[in-house]
Structures are given as C-alpha cells and as structure tokens.
Amino acid sequence: MGAVVIIAFLWGSTSEDRGMKSAYKRNMEVKVKSKRGSGNVDKVFINKLQKFIGVVVPEKNGKEAKYLVILGLLVILRTYMSILLADINGKLVKSIV
C-alpha cells in the first residue's frame, strides 16, 4: 500500500520538483567549461585521485582498505570466470555445429 502512495506521488511530481533539471543543467555547465580532451590522466587527475583515496581510505589497515582489496579481488575473479564461461560456451556451440 505504501509503495502505491509513493509511486502516485512521484508520478504526479514534475522533474523540476525532484531537482532533475537543475542537476542536468549543472552537469551541462561543467561539460561546457571543460574543453580539454576526455580521459586525460595528468597531474590534476592524479592529485584529485589522491585526495579522494585519502578520504575513502583514512588508514592503510582500516576496514575500508580491506573492503577495497576484497572488492578488487572479487572483480578480478568475476572477470576470470566470465572469460572461462565464454570459452566453455564457445566450445559447446562449436561442438553442436
């Protein structure tokens, strides 16, 4: 019942009420201001990344650092398993054909 009320409220509200247009305009202004090439790895990017990691991981032996290491290992394992599964599927299709 509560989900119906929330859906009805969101259905009736406009995107300006939810702040979407203003966020969209801010993103467009940022994109217009930065005319540099996309995907550049320079000193500015490295400095921002170091500040971000300093906020996310306050201690090297903290739980946040451990979570990041575990998450990284899980992503690598998932990628390996996806490649392995694609290879098995390819061999299966090859044998069927």
PDB file of N, CA and C in Angstrom:
ATOM      1  N   MET A   1       0.824  -1.191   0.000  1.00  0.00           N
ATOM      2  CA  MET A   1       0.000   0.000   0.000  1.00  0.00           C
ATOM      3  C   MET A   1       0.865   1.249   0.000  1.00  0.00           C
ATOM      4  N   GLY A   2       1.929   1.228   0.799  1.00  0.00           N
ATOM      5  CA  GLY A   2       2.831   2.374   0.869  1.00  0.00           C
ATOM      6  C   GLY A   2       3.548   2.618  -0.445  1.00  0.00           C
ATOM      7  N   ALA A   3       3.882   1.520  -1.153  1.00  0.00           N
ATOM      8  CA  ALA A   3       4.559   1.662  -2.438  1.00  0.00           C
ATOM      9  C   ALA A   3       3.650   2.333  -3.450  1.00  0.00           C
ATOM     10  N   VAL A   4       2.359   2.047  -3.391  1.00  0.00           N
ATOM     11  CA  VAL A   4       1.402   2.667  -4.307  1.00  0.00           C
ATOM     12  C   VAL A   4       1.343   4.172  -4.064  1.00  0.00           C
ATOM     13  N   VAL A   5       1.356   4.588  -2.812  1.00  0.00           N
ATOM     14  CA  VAL A   5       1.307   6.009  -2.472  1.00  0.00           C
ATOM     15  C   VAL A   5       2.567   6.712  -2.975  1.00  0.00           C
ATOM     16  N   ILE A   6       3.728   6.090  -2.796  1.00  0.00           N
ATOM     17  CA  ILE A   6       4.983   6.682  -3.251  1.00  0.00           C
ATOM     18  C   ILE A   6       5.009   6.790  -4.762  1.00  0.00           C
ATOM     19  N   ILE A   7       4.570   5.754  -5.460  1.00  0.00           N
ATOM     20  CA  ILE A   7       4.538   5.779  -6.918  1.00  0.00           C
ATOM     21  C   ILE A   7       3.577   6.860  -7.402  1.00  0.00           C
ATOM     22  N   ALA A   8       2.419   6.986  -6.768  1.00  0.00           N
ATOM     23  CA  ALA A   8       1.450   8.010  -7.156  1.00  0.00           C
ATOM     24  C   ALA A   8       2.023   9.403  -6.937  1.00  0.00           C
ATOM     25  N   PHE A   9       2.736   9.604  -5.844  1.00  0.00           N
ATOM     26  CA  PHE A   9       3.345  10.900  -5.566  1.00  0.00           C
ATOM     27  C   PHE A   9       4.410  11.236  -6.605  1.00  0.00           C
ATOM     28  N   LEU A  10       5.276  10.276  -6.907  1.00  0.00           N
ATOM     29  CA  LEU A  10       6.323  10.519  -7.892  1.00  0.00           C
ATOM     30  C   LEU A  10       5.753  10.698  -9.287  1.00  0.00           C
ATOM     31  N   TRP A  11       4.675  10.011  -9.591  1.00  0.00           N
ATOM     32  CA  TRP A  11       4.055  10.133 -10.912  1.00  0.00           C
ATOM     33  C   TRP A  11       3.522  11.544 -11.117  1.00  0.00           C
ATOM     34  N   GLY A  12       2.965  12.117 -10.051  1.00  0.00           N
ATOM     35  CA  GLY A  12       2.374  13.444 -10.150  1.00  0.00           C
ATOM     36  C   GLY A  12       3.388  14.571 -10.081  1.00  0.00           C
ATOM     37  N   SER A  13       4.558  14.314  -9.555  1.00  0.00           N
ATOM     38  CA  SER A  13       5.545  15.379  -9.443  1.00  0.00           C
ATOM     39  C   SER A  13       6.276  15.561 -10.770  1.00  0.00           C
ATOM     40  N   THR A  14       6.721  16.765 -11.005  1.00  0.00           N
ATOM     41  CA  THR A  14       7.472  17.045 -12.229  1.00  0.00           C
ATOM     42  C   THR A  14       8.947  16.812 -11.976  1.00  0.00           C
ATOM     43  N   SER A  15       9.724  16.812 -13.038  1.00  0.00           N
ATOM     44  CA  SER A  15      11.164  16.594 -12.866  1.00  0.00           C
ATOM     45  C   SER A  15      11.812  17.777 -12.157  1.00  0.00           C
ATOM     46  N   GLU A  16      11.243  18.983 -12.294  1.00  0.00           N
ATOM     47  CA  GLU A  16      11.785  20.125 -11.560  1.00  0.00           C
ATOM     48  C   GLU A  16      11.560  19.965 -10.072  1.00  0.00           C
ATOM     49  N   ASP A  17      10.422  19.382  -9.686  1.00  0.00           N
ATOM     50  CA  ASP A  17      10.147  19.145  -8.271  1.00  0.00           C
ATOM     51  C   ASP A  17      11.190  18.215  -7.669  1.00  0.00           C
ATOM     52  N   ARG A  18      11.637  17.244  -8.446  1.00  0.00           N
ATOM     53  CA  ARG A  18      12.627  16.286  -7.959  1.00  0.00           C
ATOM     54  C   ARG A  18      14.047  16.794  -8.145  1.00  0.00           C
ATOM     55  N   GLY A  19      14.229  17.973  -8.748  1.00  0.00           N
ATOM     56  CA  GLY A  19      15.546  18.568  -8.902  1.00  0.00           C
ATOM     57  C   GLY A  19      16.337  18.019 -10.058  1.00  0.00           C
ATOM     58  N   MET A  20      15.699  17.325 -10.987  1.00  0.00           N
ATOM     59  CA  MET A  20      16.439  16.702 -12.075  1.00  0.00           C
ATOM     60  C   MET A  20      16.919  17.718 -13.100  1.00  0.00           C
ATOM     61  N   LYS A  21      16.097  18.693 -13.421  1.00  0.00           N
ATOM     62  CA  LYS A  21      16.500  19.643 -14.444  1.00  0.00           C
ATOM     63  C   LYS A  21      17.656  20.498 -13.971  1.00  0.00           C
ATOM     64  N   SER A  22      17.628  20.904 -12.696  1.00  0.00           N
ATOM     65  CA  SER A  22      18.723  21.728 -12.212  1.00  0.00           C
ATOM     66  C   SER A  22      20.024  20.931 -12.182  1.00  0.00           C
ATOM     67  N   ALA A  23      19.963  19.658 -11.812  1.00  0.00           N
ATOM     68  CA  ALA A  23      21.169  18.830 -11.812  1.00  0.00           C
ATOM     69  C   ALA A  23      21.658  18.626 -13.236  1.00  0.00           C
ATOM     70  N   TYR A  24      20.731  18.457 -14.173  1.00  0.00           N
ATOM     71  CA  TYR A  24      21.100  18.289 -15.571  1.00  0.00           C
ATOM     72  C   TYR A  24      21.783  19.547 -16.087  1.00  0.00           C
ATOM     73  N   LYS A  25      21.247  20.711 -15.736  1.00  0.00           N
ATOM     74  CA  LYS A  25      21.855  21.964 -16.180  1.00  0.00           C
ATOM     75  C   LYS A  25      23.251  22.131 -15.582  1.00  0.00           C
ATOM     76  N   ARG A  26      23.415  21.751 -14.305  1.00  0.00           N
ATOM     77  CA  ARG A  26      24.747  21.864 -13.696  1.00  0.00           C
ATOM     78  C   ARG A  26      25.741  20.959 -14.399  1.00  0.00           C
ATOM     79  N   ASN A  27      25.341  19.737 -14.747  1.00  0.00           N
ATOM     80  CA  ASN A  27      26.237  18.823 -15.450  1.00  0.00           C
ATOM     81  C   ASN A  27      26.609  19.368 -16.814  1.00  0.00           C
ATOM     82  N   MET A  28      25.666  19.981 -17.496  1.00  0.00           N
ATOM     83  CA  MET A  28      25.940  20.533 -18.814  1.00  0.00           C
ATOM     84  C   MET A  28      26.895  21.713 -18.711  1.00  0.00           C
ATOM     85  N   GLU A  29      26.751  22.532 -17.660  1.00  0.00           N
ATOM     86  CA  GLU A  29      27.658  23.658 -17.483  1.00  0.00           C
ATOM     87  C   GLU A  29      29.074  23.172 -17.238  1.00  0.00           C
ATOM     88  N   VAL A  30      29.214  22.116 -16.459  1.00  0.00           N
ATOM     89  CA  VAL A  30      30.537  21.564 -16.190  1.00  0.00           C
ATOM     90  C   VAL A  30      31.148  21.023 -17.475  1.00  0.00           C
ATOM     91  N   LYS A  31      30.341  20.343 -18.292  1.00  0.00           N
ATOM     92  CA  LYS A  31      30.849  19.786 -19.530  1.00  0.00           C
ATOM     93  C   LYS A  31      31.255  20.877 -20.509  1.00  0.00           C
ATOM     94  N   VAL A  32      30.525  21.970 -20.524  1.00  0.00           N
ATOM     95  CA  VAL A  32      30.856  23.056 -21.433  1.00  0.00           C
ATOM     96  C   VAL A  32      32.147  23.731 -20.994  1.00  0.00           C
ATOM     97  N   LYS A  33      32.328  23.883 -19.684  1.00  0.00           N
ATOM     98  CA  LYS A  33      33.517  24.565 -19.181  1.00  0.00           C
ATOM     99  C   LYS A  33      34.787  23.771 -19.450  1.00  0.00           C
ATOM    100  N   SER A  34      34.731  22.453 -19.370  1.00  0.00           N
ATOM    101  CA  SER A  34      35.937  21.649 -19.551  1.00  0.00           C
ATOM    102  C   SER A  34      36.064  21.272 -21.018  1.00  0.00           C
ATOM    103  N   LYS A  35      36.873  22.005 -21.731  1.00  0.00           N
ATOM    104  CA  LYS A  35      37.069  21.767 -23.162  1.00  0.00           C
ATOM    105  C   LYS A  35      38.281  20.878 -23.416  1.00  0.00           C
ATOM    106  N   ARG A  36      38.957  20.468 -22.357  1.00  0.00           N
ATOM    107  CA  ARG A  36      40.117  19.599 -22.531  1.00  0.00           C
ATOM    108  C   ARG A  36      39.671  18.248 -23.042  1.00  0.00           C
ATOM    109  N   GLY A  37      40.643  17.462 -23.501  1.00  0.00           N
ATOM    110  CA  GLY A  37      40.322  16.136 -24.003  1.00  0.00           C
ATOM    111  C   GLY A  37      39.768  15.241 -22.918  1.00  0.00           C
ATOM    112  N   SER A  38      38.919  14.328 -23.303  1.00  0.00           N
ATOM    113  CA  SER A  38      38.332  13.438 -22.312  1.00  0.00           C
ATOM    114  C   SER A  38      39.265  12.262 -22.058  1.00  0.00           C
ATOM    115  N   GLY A  39      39.314  11.814 -20.828  1.00  0.00           N
ATOM    116  CA  GLY A  39      40.121  10.662 -20.479  1.00  0.00           C
ATOM    117  C   GLY A  39      41.588  10.974 -20.257  1.00  0.00           C
ATOM    118  N   ASN A  40      41.907  12.225 -19.999  1.00  0.00           N
ATOM    119  CA  ASN A  40      43.309  12.577 -19.765  1.00  0.00           C
ATOM    120  C   ASN A  40      43.723  12.189 -18.355  1.00  0.00           C
ATOM    121  N   VAL A  41      44.897  11.615 -18.258  1.00  0.00           N
ATOM    122  CA  VAL A  41      45.480  11.315 -16.956  1.00  0.00           C
ATOM    123  C   VAL A  41      46.675  12.238 -16.808  1.00  0.00           C
ATOM    124  N   ASP A  42      46.477  13.295 -16.047  1.00  0.00           N
ATOM    125  CA  ASP A  42      47.530  14.276 -15.856  1.00  0.00           C
ATOM    126  C   ASP A  42      47.694  14.545 -14.364  1.00  0.00           C
ATOM    127  N   LYS A  43      48.493  15.566 -14.037  1.00  0.00           N
ATOM    128  CA  LYS A  43      48.762  15.867 -12.633  1.00  0.00           C
ATOM    129  C   LYS A  43      47.489  16.249 -11.881  1.00  0.00           C
ATOM    130  N   VAL A  44      46.599  16.960 -12.538  1.00  0.00           N
ATOM    131  CA  VAL A  44      45.346  17.366 -11.886  1.00  0.00           C
ATOM    132  C   VAL A  44      44.536  16.136 -11.506  1.00  0.00           C
ATOM    133  N   PHE A  45      44.427  15.177 -12.426  1.00  0.00           N
ATOM    134  CA  PHE A  45      43.675  13.956 -12.148  1.00  0.00           C
ATOM    135  C   PHE A  45      44.315  13.165 -11.014  1.00  0.00           C
ATOM    136  N   ILE A  46      45.641  13.029 -11.053  1.00  0.00           N
ATOM    137  CA  ILE A  46      46.348  12.273 -10.006  1.00  0.00           C
ATOM    138  C   ILE A  46      46.148  12.936  -8.647  1.00  0.00           C
ATOM    139  N   ASN A  47      46.229  14.264  -8.593  1.00  0.00           N
ATOM    140  CA  ASN A  47      46.028  14.970  -7.320  1.00  0.00           C
ATOM    141  C   ASN A  47      44.617  14.769  -6.788  1.00  0.00           C
ATOM    142  N   LYS A  48      43.628  14.862  -7.675  1.00  0.00           N
ATOM    143  CA  LYS A  48      42.245  14.652  -7.245  1.00  0.00           C
ATOM    144  C   LYS A  48      42.030  13.216  -6.783  1.00  0.00           C
ATOM    145  N   LEU A  49      42.640  12.257  -7.483  1.00  0.00           N
ATOM    146  CA  LEU A  49      42.511  10.853  -7.104  1.00  0.00           C
ATOM    147  C   LEU A  49      43.146  10.592  -5.743  1.00  0.00           C
ATOM    148  N   GLN A  50      44.299  11.201  -5.486  1.00  0.00           N
ATOM    149  CA  GLN A  50      44.957  11.023  -4.190  1.00  0.00           C
ATOM    150  C   GLN A  50      44.116  11.598  -3.059  1.00  0.00           C
ATOM    151  N   LYS A  51      43.503  12.763  -3.297  1.00  0.00           N
ATOM    152  CA  LYS A  51      42.638  13.349  -2.273  1.00  0.00           C
ATOM    153  C   LYS A  51      41.421  12.464  -2.026  1.00  0.00           C
ATOM    154  N   PHE A  52      40.851  11.927  -3.110  1.00  0.00           N
ATOM    155  CA  PHE A  52      39.675  11.065  -2.988  1.00  0.00           C
ATOM    156  C   PHE A  52      40.009   9.794  -2.217  1.00  0.00           C
ATOM    157  N   ILE A  53      41.125   9.171  -2.550  1.00  0.00           N
ATOM    158  CA  ILE A  53      41.525   7.945  -1.849  1.00  0.00           C
ATOM    159  C   ILE A  53      41.836   8.252  -0.388  1.00  0.00           C
ATOM    160  N   GLY A  54      42.392   9.427  -0.123  1.00  0.00           N
ATOM    161  CA  GLY A  54      42.656   9.827   1.259  1.00  0.00           C
ATOM    162  C   GLY A  54      41.387   9.948   2.078  1.00  0.00           C
ATOM    163  N   VAL A  55      40.296  10.347   1.432  1.00  0.00           N
ATOM    164  CA  VAL A  55      39.019  10.448   2.136  1.00  0.00           C
ATOM    165  C   VAL A  55      38.381   9.074   2.286  1.00  0.00           C
ATOM    166  N   VAL A  56      38.428   8.275   1.231  1.00  0.00           N
ATOM    167  CA  VAL A  56      37.781   6.959   1.248  1.00  0.00           C
ATOM    168  C   VAL A  56      38.524   5.984   2.151  1.00  0.00           C
ATOM    169  N   VAL A  57      39.843   6.021   2.118  1.00  0.00           N
ATOM    170  CA  VAL A  57      40.655   5.091   2.903  1.00  0.00           C
ATOM    171  C   VAL A  57      41.503   5.898   3.882  1.00  0.00           C
ATOM    172  N   PRO A  58      40.979   6.195   5.074  1.00  0.00           N
ATOM    173  CA  PRO A  58      41.740   7.001   6.021  1.00  0.00           C
ATOM    174  C   PRO A  58      42.951   6.279   6.619  1.00  0.00           C
ATOM    175  N   GLU A  59      42.894   4.968   6.740  1.00  0.00           N
ATOM    176  CA  GLU A  59      44.011   4.192   7.289  1.00  0.00           C
ATOM    177  C   GLU A  59      44.328   3.033   6.359  1.00  0.00           C
ATOM    178  N   LYS A  60      45.613   2.705   6.252  1.00  0.00           N
ATOM    179  CA  LYS A  60      46.003   1.596   5.376  1.00  0.00           C
ATOM    180  C   LYS A  60      45.533   0.251   5.912  1.00  0.00           C
ATOM    181  N   ASN A  61      45.423   0.120   7.213  1.00  0.00           N
ATOM    182  CA  ASN A  61      44.980  -1.143   7.813  1.00  0.00           C
ATOM    183  C   ASN A  61      43.533  -1.088   8.267  1.00  0.00           C
ATOM    184  N   GLY A  62      42.798  -0.072   7.842  1.00  0.00           N
ATOM    185  CA  GLY A  62      41.406   0.068   8.241  1.00  0.00           C
ATOM    186  C   GLY A  62      40.498  -0.864   7.462  1.00  0.00           C
ATOM    187  N   LYS A  63      39.260  -0.919   7.902  1.00  0.00           N
ATOM    188  CA  LYS A  63      38.315  -1.818   7.252  1.00  0.00           C
ATOM    189  C   LYS A  63      37.989  -1.367   5.834  1.00  0.00           C
ATOM    190  N   GLU A  64      38.067  -0.050   5.559  1.00  0.00           N
ATOM    191  CA  GLU A  64      37.785   0.437   4.215  1.00  0.00           C
ATOM    192  C   GLU A  64      38.808  -0.082   3.222  1.00  0.00           C
ATOM    193  N   ALA A  65      40.076  -0.077   3.607  1.00  0.00           N
ATOM    194  CA  ALA A  65      41.135  -0.586   2.727  1.00  0.00           C
ATOM    195  C   ALA A  65      40.955  -2.081   2.481  1.00  0.00           C
ATOM    196  N   LYS A  66      40.576  -2.800   3.522  1.00  0.00           N
ATOM    197  CA  LYS A  66      40.341  -4.240   3.370  1.00  0.00           C
ATOM    198  C   LYS A  66      39.162  -4.500   2.445  1.00  0.00           C
ATOM    199  N   TYR A  67      38.096  -3.694   2.582  1.00  0.00           N
ATOM    200  CA  TYR A  67      36.939  -3.839   1.698  1.00  0.00           C
ATOM    201  C   TYR A  67      37.328  -3.583   0.243  1.00  0.00           C
ATOM    202  N   LEU A  68      38.159  -2.561   0.006  1.00  0.00           N
ATOM    203  CA  LEU A  68      38.582  -2.263  -1.365  1.00  0.00           C
ATOM    204  C   LEU A  68      39.417  -3.389  -1.951  1.00  0.00           C
ATOM    205  N   VAL A  69      40.290  -3.987  -1.142  1.00  0.00           N
ATOM    206  CA  VAL A  69      41.105  -5.104  -1.624  1.00  0.00           C
ATOM    207  C   VAL A  69      40.217  -6.304  -1.940  1.00  0.00           C
ATOM    208  N   ILE A  70      39.291  -6.607  -1.046  1.00  0.00           N
ATOM    209  CA  ILE A  70      38.377  -7.734  -1.283  1.00  0.00           C
ATOM    210  C   ILE A  70      37.531  -7.482  -2.523  1.00  0.00           C
ATOM    211  N   LEU A  71      37.026  -6.262  -2.675  1.00  0.00           N
ATOM    212  CA  LEU A  71      36.217  -5.922  -3.835  1.00  0.00           C
ATOM    213  C   LEU A  71      37.022  -6.042  -5.125  1.00  0.00           C
ATOM    214  N   GLY A  72      38.270  -5.587  -5.096  1.00  0.00           N
ATOM    215  CA  GLY A  72      39.133  -5.724  -6.264  1.00  0.00           C
ATOM    216  C   GLY A  72      39.370  -7.174  -6.632  1.00  0.00           C
ATOM    217  N   LEU A  73      39.626  -8.005  -5.628  1.00  0.00           N
ATOM    218  CA  LEU A  73      39.836  -9.428  -5.895  1.00  0.00           C
ATOM    219  C   LEU A  73      38.569 -10.087  -6.448  1.00  0.00           C
ATOM    220  N   LEU A  74      37.417  -9.704  -5.926  1.00  0.00           N
ATOM    221  CA  LEU A  74      36.167 -10.262  -6.442  1.00  0.00           C
ATOM    222  C   LEU A  74      35.912  -9.840  -7.891  1.00  0.00           C
ATOM    223  N   VAL A  75      36.255  -8.622  -8.235  1.00  0.00           N
ATOM    224  CA  VAL A  75      36.082  -8.164  -9.621  1.00  0.00           C
ATOM    225  C   VAL A  75      36.997  -8.944 -10.552  1.00  0.00           C
ATOM    226  N   ILE A  76      38.237  -9.167 -10.123  1.00  0.00           N
ATOM    227  CA  ILE A  76      39.179  -9.946 -10.935  1.00  0.00           C
ATOM    228  C   ILE A  76      38.678 -11.383 -11.087  1.00  0.00           C
ATOM    229  N   LEU A  77      38.206 -11.987 -10.008  1.00  0.00           N
ATOM    230  CA  LEU A  77      37.673 -13.350 -10.057  1.00  0.00           C
ATOM    231  C   LEU A  77      36.449 -13.434 -10.965  1.00  0.00           C
ATOM    232  N   ARG A  78      35.577 -12.448 -10.886  1.00  0.00           N
ATOM    233  CA  ARG A  78      34.391 -12.439 -11.735  1.00  0.00           C
ATOM    234  C   ARG A  78      34.780 -12.331 -13.213  1.00  0.00           C
ATOM    235  N   THR A  79      35.760 -11.499 -13.510  1.00  0.00           N
ATOM    236  CA  THR A  79      36.221 -11.355 -14.892  1.00  0.00           C
ATOM    237  C   THR A  79      36.809 -12.658 -15.401  1.00  0.00           C
ATOM    238  N   TYR A  80      37.619 -13.308 -14.579  1.00  0.00           N
ATOM    239  CA  TYR A  80      38.212 -14.587 -14.970  1.00  0.00           C
ATOM    240  C   TYR A  80      37.124 -15.626 -15.230  1.00  0.00           C
ATOM    241  N   MET A  81      36.124 -15.672 -14.348  1.00  0.00           N
ATOM    242  CA  MET A  81      35.049 -16.651 -14.520  1.00  0.00           C
ATOM    243  C   MET A  81      34.201 -16.343 -15.755  1.00  0.00           C
ATOM    244  N   SER A  82      34.006 -15.078 -16.064  1.00  0.00           N
ATOM    245  CA  SER A  82      33.252 -14.719 -17.272  1.00  0.00           C
ATOM    246  C   SER A  82      33.993 -15.160 -18.529  1.00  0.00           C
ATOM    247  N   ILE A  83      35.296 -14.952 -18.548  1.00  0.00           N
ATOM    248  CA  ILE A  83      36.098 -15.380 -19.696  1.00  0.00           C
ATOM    249  C   ILE A  83      36.068 -16.898 -19.822  1.00  0.00           C
ATOM    250  N   LEU A  84      36.196 -17.598 -18.698  1.00  0.00           N
ATOM    251  CA  LEU A  84      36.152 -19.060 -18.704  1.00  0.00           C
ATOM    252  C   LEU A  84      34.801 -19.565 -19.199  1.00  0.00           C
ATOM    253  N   LEU A  85      33.725 -18.970 -18.738  1.00  0.00           N
ATOM    254  CA  LEU A  85      32.393 -19.379 -19.166  1.00  0.00           C
ATOM    255  C   LEU A  85      32.171 -19.093 -20.655  1.00  0.00           C
ATOM    256  N   ALA A  86      32.671 -17.974 -21.142  1.00  0.00           N
ATOM    257  CA  ALA A  86      32.543 -17.666 -22.565  1.00  0.00           C
ATOM    258  C   ALA A  86      33.307 -18.686 -23.394  1.00  0.00           C
ATOM    259  N   ASP A  87      34.459 -19.126 -22.911  1.00  0.00           N
ATOM    260  CA  ASP A  87      35.242 -20.142 -23.616  1.00  0.00           C
ATOM    261  C   ASP A  87      34.492 -21.471 -23.654  1.00  0.00           C
ATOM    262  N   ILE A  88      33.911 -21.845 -22.531  1.00  0.00           N
ATOM    263  CA  ILE A  88      33.139 -23.095 -22.475  1.00  0.00           C
ATOM    264  C   ILE A  88      31.934 -23.018 -23.401  1.00  0.00           C
ATOM    265  N   ASN A  89      31.231 -21.881 -23.406  1.00  0.00           N
ATOM    266  CA  ASN A  89      30.081 -21.725 -24.297  1.00  0.00           C
ATOM    267  C   ASN A  89      30.508 -21.785 -25.759  1.00  0.00           C
ATOM    268  N   GLY A  90      31.653 -21.187 -26.071  1.00  0.00           N
ATOM    269  CA  GLY A  90      32.150 -21.234 -27.443  1.00  0.00           C
ATOM    270  C   GLY A  90      32.460 -22.652 -27.880  1.00  0.00           C
ATOM    271  N   LYS A  91      33.100 -23.421 -27.010  1.00  0.00           N
ATOM    272  CA  LYS A  91      33.401 -24.820 -27.334  1.00  0.00           C
ATOM    273  C   LYS A  91      32.126 -25.644 -27.488  1.00  0.00           C
ATOM    274  N   LEU A  92      31.136 -25.376 -26.661  1.00  0.00           N
ATOM    275  CA  LEU A  92      29.874 -26.088 -26.736  1.00  0.00           C
ATOM    276  C   LEU A  92      29.159 -25.810 -28.064  1.00  0.00           C
ATOM    277  N   VAL A  93      29.110 -24.544 -28.439  1.00  0.00           N
ATOM    278  CA  VAL A  93      28.466 -24.180 -29.700  1.00  0.00           C
ATOM    279  C   VAL A  93      29.230 -24.773 -30.884  1.00  0.00           C
ATOM    280  N   LYS A  94      30.554 -24.765 -30.794  1.00  0.00           N
ATOM    281  CA  LYS A  94      31.378 -25.329 -31.851  1.00  0.00           C
ATOM    282  C   LYS A  94      31.101 -26.820 -32.008  1.00  0.00           C
ATOM    283  N   SER A  95      30.971 -27.527 -30.893  1.00  0.00           N
ATOM    284  CA  SER A  95      30.731 -28.980 -30.973  1.00  0.00           C
ATOM    285  C   SER A  95      29.307 -29.267 -31.484  1.00  0.00           C
ATOM    286  N   ILE A  96      28.358 -28.415 -31.166  1.00  0.00           N
ATOM    287  CA  ILE A  96      26.994 -28.621 -31.658  1.00  0.00           C
ATOM    288  C   ILE A  96      26.933 -28.396 -33.152  1.00  0.00           C
ATOM    289  N   VAL A  97      27.595 -27.374 -33.643  1.00  0.00           N
ATOM    290  CA  VAL A  97      27.580 -27.043 -35.074  1.00  0.00           C
ATOM    291  C   VAL A  97      28.375 -28.099 -35.814  1.00  0.00           C
TER     292      VAL A  97
END
